Amino acid sequence: MSKVYILGGAQTDFERNWKKEGKGMVAILKEVMADGLAHAGLSFDDVKALNGDNRVACFVGNFIAEKYVDQGHLGAFLTEVDPAFYGVPSARYEAACASSSVAIDAAATKIHADEYDVDIVVGWELMKTVDSKLGGDFLGRAAYYEKEGKGIELPFPKLFGRLADETLKKYPELDEKRYMDALAKISVINYSNAKRNPLAQTRKWFMSYDQASTRGTDTNPLVGGKLGVSDCSQVTDGAAVVVLCSEKFIAERGYQDKPVIKGYGHRTAPMLFDKKMADNEGSEYILPWTRQAVLDAYKRAGLMVDDIDVFETHDCFTSSEYAAISAFGLTAPGYEYEAVESGLIDFDGDKPINPSGGLIGCGHPVGASGARMFLDLYKQVTGTAGGYQVESVKNGMMLNIGGSATTNYVFIVGKE
């Protein structure tokens, strides 16, 4: 198969509230698309020319714009961005919080198959159009809504609170205080990393260990089981673009040192949380299909965990990042706290996780998170991450999940 190269991309400032600015879907798409193409060394004229030869396509990742902004048929809306997109094949891809990862997968597949030479992926979500209670109900559609979301206030904090409970149940040797302490430290790491990122939603926020570890207070109320507000990712408006291309296009343009997609994994777990927990009984892992997606990516890339220099993971809640630590292979399952306590996953650790700030620190515009993580791997591998650049990155890995770890996407990006 042909290699898939990454030309670049862009992310909006996740601190912004587009509704307060009087701007909507078309505005955010125009801004991020113009910035993403420019960073990749392309113009709207290039898109028009490539389309004339049927060499370009667009892939849109979005979860639930039908609820947040009353709009579907999202792939076609790129024609509102610029006339250059008239006639360009484009479509919307949806997999809950992994929506833009499935868009990246589809785009890469078209290049592997020599269908197109340049594929543009944009993930986006506008979430600040409604209050948090209604937004939480919308997000419940990422679970089995009739059974796990409907009529339940803030269903996802409750589901990932259950993941915390099930983790303690699965690993009886794991001390509860030690586990909850590790979750608090994960929160502090992500908030601290976000301060380095000029596009992070919480770059001006403060989170101390005392606050994160003291749940059930006025400043850190409980939201789902044992989890407090400090354990949660953010409600975020945002978009991210990544531009992929073929070996043929690289040769035509004379590009040097562009990173490639080295491997990927995609696995789907049972939809219902209870069925996930029943399914893991024969596995060491609390989320065995998440682990399998990671193993698939390692196998396709011909790499091991020792070859990965930086990780971006789906910390929609601290309990999901905790489970990801062993899924990546950084510790044995049940001993994830060792990576937290030892400093292994700190920004200056040997295996930093979420130098961007992750979903907790950088923000979580649902349909954009996969593309944003992928873009951050590109930045780390190319040494262009600025204040949150990790030293000497050759390979980076990301884990993007949809629902309660139902859809699991893993990508490895690295230098050739």
Protein backbone atom coordinates (compact mmCIF):
# COMPACT_ATOMS: atom_id res chain seq x y z
CA MET A 1 0.00 0.00 0.00
CA SER A 2 1.05 3.58 -0.58
CA LYS A 3 2.39 5.51 2.39
CA VAL A 4 0.25 8.25 3.88
CA TYR A 5 2.12 11.46 4.68
CA ILE A 6 1.00 14.37 6.84
CA LEU A 7 1.48 17.86 5.41
CA GLY A 8 0.25 19.81 8.44
CA GLY A 9 -2.91 21.39 9.77
CA ALA A 10 -4.37 23.80 12.29
CA GLN A 11 -6.47 24.03 15.43
CA THR A 12 -8.74 26.83 16.62
CA ASP A 13 -8.24 28.40 20.03
CA PHE A 14 -10.25 26.10 22.29
CA GLU A 15 -10.79 28.88 24.82
CA ARG A 16 -13.16 30.71 22.47
CA ASN A 17 -16.95 30.73 22.77
CA TRP A 18 -18.16 31.12 19.20
CA LYS A 19 -21.77 31.84 20.15
CA LYS A 20 -20.68 34.78 22.29
CA GLU A 21 -18.69 36.05 19.32
CA GLY A 22 -21.85 35.90 17.21
CA LYS A 23 -20.27 33.26 14.96
CA GLY A 24 -21.38 29.79 13.99
CA MET A 25 -20.58 26.71 11.95
CA VAL A 26 -19.55 28.37 8.70
CA ALA A 27 -17.32 30.85 10.52
CA ILE A 28 -15.37 28.20 12.42
CA LEU A 29 -14.98 26.10 9.26
CA LYS A 30 -13.75 29.06 7.22
CA GLU A 31 -11.17 30.00 9.82
CA VAL A 32 -9.76 26.56 10.53
CA MET A 33 -9.75 25.50 6.88
CA ALA A 34 -7.87 28.62 5.77
CA ASP A 35 -5.32 28.17 8.57
CA GLY A 36 -4.99 24.42 8.02
CA LEU A 37 -4.40 24.67 4.30
CA ALA A 38 -1.89 27.51 4.74
CA HIS A 39 0.07 25.52 7.32
CA ALA A 40 0.14 22.56 4.93
CA GLY A 41 1.51 24.77 2.17
CA LEU A 42 -1.68 24.71 0.12
CA SER A 43 -4.20 27.30 -1.07
CA PHE A 44 -7.81 27.26 -2.17
CA ASP A 45 -6.49 27.54 -5.72
CA ASP A 46 -4.53 24.33 -5.15
CA VAL A 47 -7.72 22.62 -4.00
CA LYS A 48 -9.52 23.79 -7.13
CA ALA A 49 -6.71 22.57 -9.38
CA LEU A 50 -6.46 19.20 -7.65
CA ASN A 51 -10.21 18.78 -7.90
CA GLY A 52 -10.04 19.36 -11.62
CA ASP A 53 -7.96 16.20 -11.85
CA ASN A 54 -10.09 14.35 -9.24
CA ARG A 55 -7.13 14.16 -6.83
CA VAL A 56 -8.59 15.71 -3.65
CA ALA A 57 -11.34 14.83 -1.19
CA CYS A 58 -12.64 16.11 2.15
CA PHE A 59 -13.64 14.21 5.26
CA VAL A 60 -15.67 15.86 8.03
CA GLY A 61 -15.77 14.51 11.59
CA ASN A 62 -18.66 15.65 13.77
CA PHE A 63 -20.74 13.91 16.41
CA ILE A 64 -24.04 15.65 16.88
CA ALA A 65 -24.43 19.00 15.12
CA GLU A 66 -28.06 18.02 14.52
CA LYS A 67 -28.64 18.77 18.22
CA TYR A 68 -26.14 21.52 18.98
CA VAL A 69 -26.66 23.67 15.86
CA ASP A 70 -29.73 22.09 14.20
CA GLN A 71 -27.80 21.05 11.11
CA GLY A 72 -26.99 17.84 9.27
CA HIS A 73 -25.52 17.17 5.80
CA LEU A 74 -22.25 18.50 7.12
CA GLY A 75 -19.88 17.31 4.41
CA ALA A 76 -21.61 19.50 1.86
CA PHE A 77 -21.18 22.58 4.05
CA LEU A 78 -17.56 22.94 2.95
CA THR A 79 -19.01 24.51 -0.19
CA GLU A 80 -19.96 27.43 2.08
CA VAL A 81 -16.30 27.83 3.07
CA ASP A 82 -15.00 28.63 -0.40
CA PRO A 83 -16.07 27.98 -4.01
CA ALA A 84 -12.89 25.91 -4.39
CA PHE A 85 -14.84 23.09 -2.71
CA TYR A 86 -17.54 23.02 -5.38
CA GLY A 87 -17.43 19.52 -6.81
CA VAL A 88 -14.92 18.18 -4.26
CA PRO A 89 -16.03 14.80 -2.86
CA SER A 90 -16.89 15.37 0.79
CA ALA A 91 -18.85 13.58 3.48
CA ARG A 92 -19.43 13.54 7.22
CA TYR A 93 -18.14 10.71 9.46
CA GLU A 94 -19.52 9.95 12.92
CA ALA A 95 -18.31 7.74 15.77
CA ALA A 96 -19.22 9.80 18.86
CA CYS A 97 -16.03 11.25 20.39
CA ALA A 98 -13.96 9.36 17.79
CA SER A 99 -15.72 11.01 14.84
CA SER A 100 -12.68 12.74 13.39
CA SER A 101 -10.54 9.63 13.90
CA VAL A 102 -12.87 7.64 11.66
CA ALA A 103 -12.64 10.54 9.20
CA ILE A 104 -8.83 10.29 9.30
CA ASP A 105 -9.06 6.52 8.81
CA ALA A 106 -11.32 6.95 5.78
CA ALA A 107 -9.05 9.61 4.31
CA ALA A 108 -5.93 7.49 4.81
CA THR A 109 -7.64 4.48 3.26
CA LYS A 110 -8.41 6.45 0.09
CA ILE A 111 -4.73 7.40 -0.21
CA HIS A 112 -3.60 3.82 0.47
CA ALA A 113 -5.86 2.75 -2.37
CA ASP A 114 -4.47 5.42 -4.71
CA GLU A 115 -7.91 7.03 -5.07
CA TYR A 116 -6.78 10.55 -4.13
CA ASP A 117 -3.48 12.35 -3.59
CA VAL A 118 -4.59 14.97 -1.06
CA ASP A 119 -7.21 14.35 1.62
CA ILE A 120 -8.36 17.13 3.93
CA VAL A 121 -9.83 16.13 7.29
CA VAL A 122 -11.70 18.59 9.49
CA GLY A 123 -13.21 17.72 12.86
CA TRP A 124 -15.40 20.18 14.71
CA GLU A 125 -18.06 20.66 17.35
CA LEU A 126 -19.86 23.72 18.68
CA MET A 127 -21.01 22.77 22.19
CA LYS A 128 -21.58 26.09 23.96
CA THR A 129 -24.86 26.69 22.17
CA VAL A 130 -26.83 25.11 25.06
CA ASP A 131 -26.56 24.82 28.84
CA SER A 132 -24.59 22.00 30.45
CA LYS A 133 -27.66 19.96 31.43
CA LEU A 134 -29.06 19.89 27.90
CA GLY A 135 -25.60 19.36 26.45
CA GLY A 136 -25.11 16.39 28.78
CA ASP A 137 -28.34 14.92 27.46
CA PHE A 138 -27.13 15.38 23.87
CA LEU A 139 -23.88 13.61 24.71
CA GLY A 140 -25.89 10.73 26.13
CA ARG A 141 -26.51 9.69 22.52
CA ALA A 142 -22.88 8.48 22.44
CA ALA A 143 -24.05 5.71 24.77
CA TYR A 144 -27.11 3.49 24.33
CA TYR A 145 -29.42 6.43 24.87
CA GLU A 146 -32.65 4.58 25.71
CA LYS A 147 -30.87 2.48 28.34
CA GLU A 148 -27.94 4.60 29.55
CA GLY A 149 -28.72 8.23 28.71
CA LYS A 150 -32.39 9.10 28.56
CA GLY A 151 -33.66 10.81 31.69
CA ILE A 152 -30.26 10.61 33.38
CA GLU A 153 -28.57 13.86 34.34
CA LEU A 154 -24.96 14.00 33.07
CA PRO A 155 -24.87 10.35 31.93
CA PHE A 156 -21.21 10.24 30.91
CA PRO A 157 -19.72 11.33 34.24
CA LYS A 158 -21.81 8.56 35.75
CA LEU A 159 -20.59 5.98 33.22
CA PHE A 160 -16.94 6.85 33.78
CA GLY A 161 -17.57 6.98 37.52
CA ARG A 162 -18.70 3.38 37.10
CA LEU A 163 -15.42 2.68 35.26
CA ALA A 164 -13.61 3.85 38.40
CA ASP A 165 -15.74 1.52 40.52
CA GLU A 166 -15.19 -1.40 38.15
CA THR A 167 -11.43 -0.78 38.09
CA LEU A 168 -11.27 -1.14 41.85
CA LYS A 169 -13.45 -4.26 41.66
CA LYS A 170 -11.35 -5.88 38.92
CA TYR A 171 -8.05 -5.28 40.73
CA PRO A 172 -8.82 -6.01 44.41
CA GLU A 173 -5.17 -5.52 45.35
CA LEU A 174 -5.45 -1.88 44.22
CA ASP A 175 -5.92 0.37 47.24
CA GLU A 176 -8.81 2.80 46.71
CA LYS A 177 -6.95 5.77 48.17
CA ARG A 178 -3.96 5.07 45.95
CA TYR A 179 -6.23 4.85 42.90
CA MET A 180 -8.11 8.06 43.64
CA ASP A 181 -4.83 9.80 44.38
CA ALA A 182 -3.51 8.71 40.96
CA LEU A 183 -6.63 10.13 39.30
CA ALA A 184 -6.06 13.45 41.07
CA LYS A 185 -2.45 13.54 39.89
CA ILE A 186 -3.55 12.79 36.31
CA SER A 187 -5.83 15.83 36.50
CA VAL A 188 -3.05 18.05 37.82
CA ILE A 189 -0.64 16.87 35.10
CA ASN A 190 -3.11 17.70 32.33
CA TYR A 191 -3.95 21.13 33.73
CA SER A 192 -0.25 21.84 34.18
CA ASN A 193 0.56 20.79 30.63
CA ALA A 194 -2.25 22.97 29.28
CA LYS A 195 -0.48 26.05 30.62
CA ARG A 196 2.26 25.42 28.04
CA ASN A 197 -0.24 25.27 25.15
CA PRO A 198 -1.37 28.65 23.73
CA LEU A 199 -4.49 27.05 22.22
CA ALA A 200 -5.61 25.13 25.33
CA GLN A 201 -8.96 25.96 26.88
CA THR A 202 -7.65 25.92 30.46
CA ARG A 203 -4.28 27.57 29.91
CA LYS A 204 -5.29 30.33 32.36
CA TRP A 205 -6.84 27.96 34.89
CA PHE A 206 -5.29 26.60 38.06
CA MET A 207 -5.62 23.12 39.53
CA SER A 208 -3.78 22.12 42.67
CA TYR A 209 -3.31 18.61 43.98
CA ASP A 210 -5.24 19.55 47.13
CA GLN A 211 -8.25 20.61 45.09
CA ALA A 212 -8.13 17.64 42.72
CA SER A 213 -7.76 15.13 45.54
CA THR A 214 -10.51 16.65 47.69
CA ARG A 215 -13.75 15.78 45.95
CA GLY A 216 -17.27 16.57 47.10
CA THR A 217 -16.57 20.21 47.98
CA ASP A 218 -17.99 23.49 46.68
CA THR A 219 -14.97 23.92 44.39
CA ASN A 220 -14.81 20.26 43.31
CA PRO A 221 -18.29 18.74 43.56
CA LEU A 222 -18.96 15.11 42.76
CA VAL A 223 -20.47 14.55 39.31
CA GLY A 224 -20.45 10.78 38.85
CA GLY A 225 -19.76 8.22 41.55
CA LYS A 226 -16.31 8.89 42.97
CA LEU A 227 -15.41 11.44 40.27
CA GLY A 228 -15.39 15.18 40.82
CA VAL A 229 -15.37 18.12 38.43
CA SER A 230 -11.56 17.98 38.44
CA ASP A 231 -11.76 14.53 36.85
CA CYS A 232 -13.75 15.76 33.82
CA SER A 233 -12.84 17.03 30.38
CA GLN A 234 -14.22 20.35 29.18
CA VAL A 235 -17.27 21.51 27.25
CA THR A 236 -15.53 23.09 24.29
CA ASP A 237 -16.09 24.84 20.98
CA GLY A 238 -13.38 23.99 18.49
CA ALA A 239 -12.15 22.60 15.21
CA ALA A 240 -8.98 20.97 13.88
CA VAL A 241 -7.76 20.27 10.35
CA VAL A 242 -5.13 17.78 9.18
CA VAL A 243 -4.00 17.37 5.58
CA LEU A 244 -2.85 13.96 4.37
CA CYS A 245 -1.18 13.18 1.06
CA SER A 246 0.29 10.42 -1.08
CA GLU A 247 3.88 9.55 -1.93
CA LYS A 248 3.19 10.80 -5.44
CA PHE A 249 2.24 14.26 -4.15
CA ILE A 250 5.31 14.36 -1.88
CA ALA A 251 7.53 13.65 -4.90
CA GLU A 252 5.77 16.22 -7.07
CA ARG A 253 6.20 18.98 -4.51
CA GLY A 254 9.68 17.96 -3.41
CA TYR A 255 8.75 17.85 0.27
CA GLN A 256 11.31 16.53 2.73
CA ASP A 257 10.98 15.03 6.20
CA LYS A 258 7.19 14.87 6.33
CA PRO A 259 5.94 12.38 8.93
CA VAL A 260 3.85 9.36 8.03
CA ILE A 261 1.08 7.27 9.53
CA LYS A 262 3.00 4.19 10.65
CA GLY A 263 0.15 2.18 12.10
CA TYR A 264 -3.43 2.25 13.28
CA GLY A 265 -5.90 0.20 15.30
CA HIS A 266 -9.69 0.25 15.26
CA ARG A 267 -11.80 -1.98 17.49
CA THR A 268 -15.40 -1.75 18.69
CA ALA A 269 -16.48 -2.93 22.13
CA PRO A 270 -20.03 -3.78 23.22
CA MET A 271 -22.28 -0.71 23.30
CA LEU A 272 -23.68 -1.16 26.79
CA PHE A 273 -21.33 -0.55 29.71
CA ASP A 274 -22.57 -3.65 31.55
CA LYS A 275 -21.77 -5.80 28.52
CA LYS A 276 -18.28 -4.27 28.36
CA MET A 277 -17.66 -5.29 31.94
CA ALA A 278 -18.99 -8.81 31.33
CA ASP A 279 -16.81 -9.03 28.22
CA ASN A 280 -13.62 -8.21 30.16
CA GLU A 281 -13.96 -11.10 32.62
CA GLY A 282 -11.57 -13.29 30.63
CA SER A 283 -9.00 -10.51 30.16
CA GLU A 284 -6.41 -8.87 32.38
CA TYR A 285 -7.56 -5.52 31.02
CA ILE A 286 -10.56 -3.49 32.15
CA LEU A 287 -11.02 -2.42 28.50
CA PRO A 288 -9.71 -5.35 26.43
CA TRP A 289 -10.80 -3.97 23.04
CA THR A 290 -8.98 -0.73 23.76
CA ARG A 291 -5.87 -2.77 24.48
CA GLN A 292 -6.40 -4.77 21.26
CA ALA A 293 -6.60 -1.58 19.18
CA VAL A 294 -3.24 -0.57 20.63
CA LEU A 295 -1.73 -3.98 19.87
CA ASP A 296 -3.06 -3.79 16.30
CA ALA A 297 -1.36 -0.42 15.82
CA TYR A 298 1.95 -1.70 17.19
CA LYS A 299 1.78 -4.73 14.89
CA ARG A 300 0.96 -2.70 11.77
CA ALA A 301 3.75 -0.24 12.55
CA GLY A 302 6.28 -2.92 13.47
CA LEU A 303 6.91 -1.05 16.73
CA MET A 304 6.69 -1.63 20.47
CA VAL A 305 5.91 0.61 23.40
CA ASP A 306 9.64 1.28 23.86
CA ASP A 307 9.66 2.94 20.42
CA ILE A 308 6.97 5.51 21.34
CA ASP A 309 8.25 8.81 22.68
CA VAL A 310 5.00 10.63 23.43
CA PHE A 311 1.33 9.78 23.84
CA GLU A 312 -1.93 11.67 23.40
CA THR A 313 -4.86 9.93 25.02
CA HIS A 314 -8.59 10.32 25.48
CA ASP A 315 -8.85 11.64 29.02
CA CYS A 316 -12.54 12.46 28.82
CA PHE A 317 -12.29 11.54 32.50
CA THR A 318 -9.27 10.69 34.62
CA SER A 319 -10.56 7.12 34.89
CA SER A 320 -10.23 6.70 31.11
CA GLU A 321 -6.63 7.97 31.07
CA TYR A 322 -5.80 5.64 33.95
CA ALA A 323 -7.07 2.65 31.93
CA ALA A 324 -5.11 3.85 28.88
CA ILE A 325 -1.78 3.61 30.71
CA SER A 326 -1.80 -0.18 30.74
CA ALA A 327 -3.53 -0.35 27.36
CA PHE A 328 -0.49 1.43 25.90
CA GLY A 329 1.74 -1.11 27.63
CA LEU A 330 3.38 1.35 30.02
CA THR A 331 2.51 -0.84 33.03
CA ALA A 332 0.83 -4.14 33.69
CA PRO A 333 -2.94 -3.86 34.15
CA GLY A 334 -3.80 -3.02 37.73
CA TYR A 335 -0.52 -1.19 38.26
CA GLU A 336 -1.18 1.99 36.28
CA TYR A 337 -0.59 4.05 39.43
CA GLU A 338 3.12 3.20 39.15
CA ALA A 339 3.42 5.29 35.97
CA VAL A 340 1.71 8.19 37.72
CA GLU A 341 3.61 8.01 41.00
CA SER A 342 7.02 7.55 39.35
CA GLY A 343 6.65 10.58 37.07
CA LEU A 344 6.86 8.36 33.96
CA ILE A 345 3.94 10.17 32.28
CA ASP A 346 4.87 13.70 33.40
CA PHE A 347 5.85 16.26 30.79
CA ASP A 348 9.51 15.66 31.68
CA GLY A 349 9.03 11.91 32.15
CA ASP A 350 10.30 9.19 29.86
CA LYS A 351 6.79 8.54 28.44
CA PRO A 352 4.84 11.80 28.64
CA ILE A 353 1.08 11.61 28.16
CA ASN A 354 -0.92 14.58 26.89
CA PRO A 355 1.75 17.30 26.71
CA SER A 356 -0.99 19.31 24.98
CA GLY A 357 -3.12 19.19 28.12
CA GLY A 358 -5.37 16.47 26.76
CA LEU A 359 -9.15 16.70 26.83
CA ILE A 360 -9.08 17.82 30.45
CA GLY A 361 -6.65 20.66 29.83
CA CYS A 362 -6.73 21.45 26.12
CA GLY A 363 -10.48 20.89 25.74
CA HIS A 364 -12.89 18.39 24.21
CA PRO A 365 -14.91 19.63 21.22
CA VAL A 366 -16.22 16.14 20.66
CA GLY A 367 -16.03 15.87 16.88
CA ALA A 368 -12.62 17.57 16.77
CA SER A 369 -10.71 15.68 19.46
CA GLY A 370 -9.34 12.89 17.26
CA ALA A 371 -8.04 15.35 14.66
CA ARG A 372 -6.62 17.56 17.39
CA MET A 373 -4.70 14.66 18.94
CA PHE A 374 -3.45 13.60 15.51
CA LEU A 375 -2.32 17.17 14.78
CA ASP A 376 -0.47 17.26 18.10
CA LEU A 377 1.38 14.05 17.20
CA TYR A 378 2.38 15.74 13.94
CA LYS A 379 3.65 18.76 15.90
CA GLN A 380 5.64 16.63 18.32
CA VAL A 381 7.25 14.55 15.57
CA THR A 382 8.15 17.64 13.52
CA GLY A 383 9.42 19.59 16.54
CA THR A 384 6.84 22.35 16.08
CA ALA A 385 4.86 22.06 19.32
CA GLY A 386 6.43 25.19 20.79
CA GLY A 387 6.14 25.51 24.56
CA TYR A 388 4.84 21.98 24.97
CA GLN A 389 7.41 20.31 22.72
CA VAL A 390 8.81 17.07 24.11
CA GLU A 391 12.49 16.50 23.36
CA SER A 392 13.65 14.10 20.64
CA VAL A 393 10.32 12.70 19.48
CA LYS A 394 10.55 10.18 16.66
CA ASN A 395 7.22 8.39 17.13
CA GLY A 396 3.97 9.35 18.83
CA MET A 397 0.83 7.36 19.61
CA MET A 398 -2.75 8.51 20.21
CA LEU A 399 -5.85 6.81 21.60
CA ASN A 400 -9.25 8.31 20.77
CA ILE A 401 -12.39 6.64 22.12
CA GLY A 402 -16.05 7.09 21.32
CA GLY A 403 -18.73 6.53 23.94
CA SER A 404 -17.75 4.57 27.03
CA ALA A 405 -14.69 3.16 25.18
CA THR A 406 -17.03 1.61 22.60
CA THR A 407 -15.20 2.84 19.49
CA ASN A 408 -11.43 2.65 19.95
CA TYR A 409 -9.05 4.33 17.50
CA VAL A 410 -5.25 4.33 17.75
CA PHE A 411 -2.78 5.99 15.38
CA ILE A 412 1.01 5.96 15.38
CA VAL A 413 2.64 8.93 13.64
CA GLY A 414 6.37 9.11 13.13
CA LYS A 415 9.39 10.01 11.08
CA GLU A 416 10.28 7.71 8.21
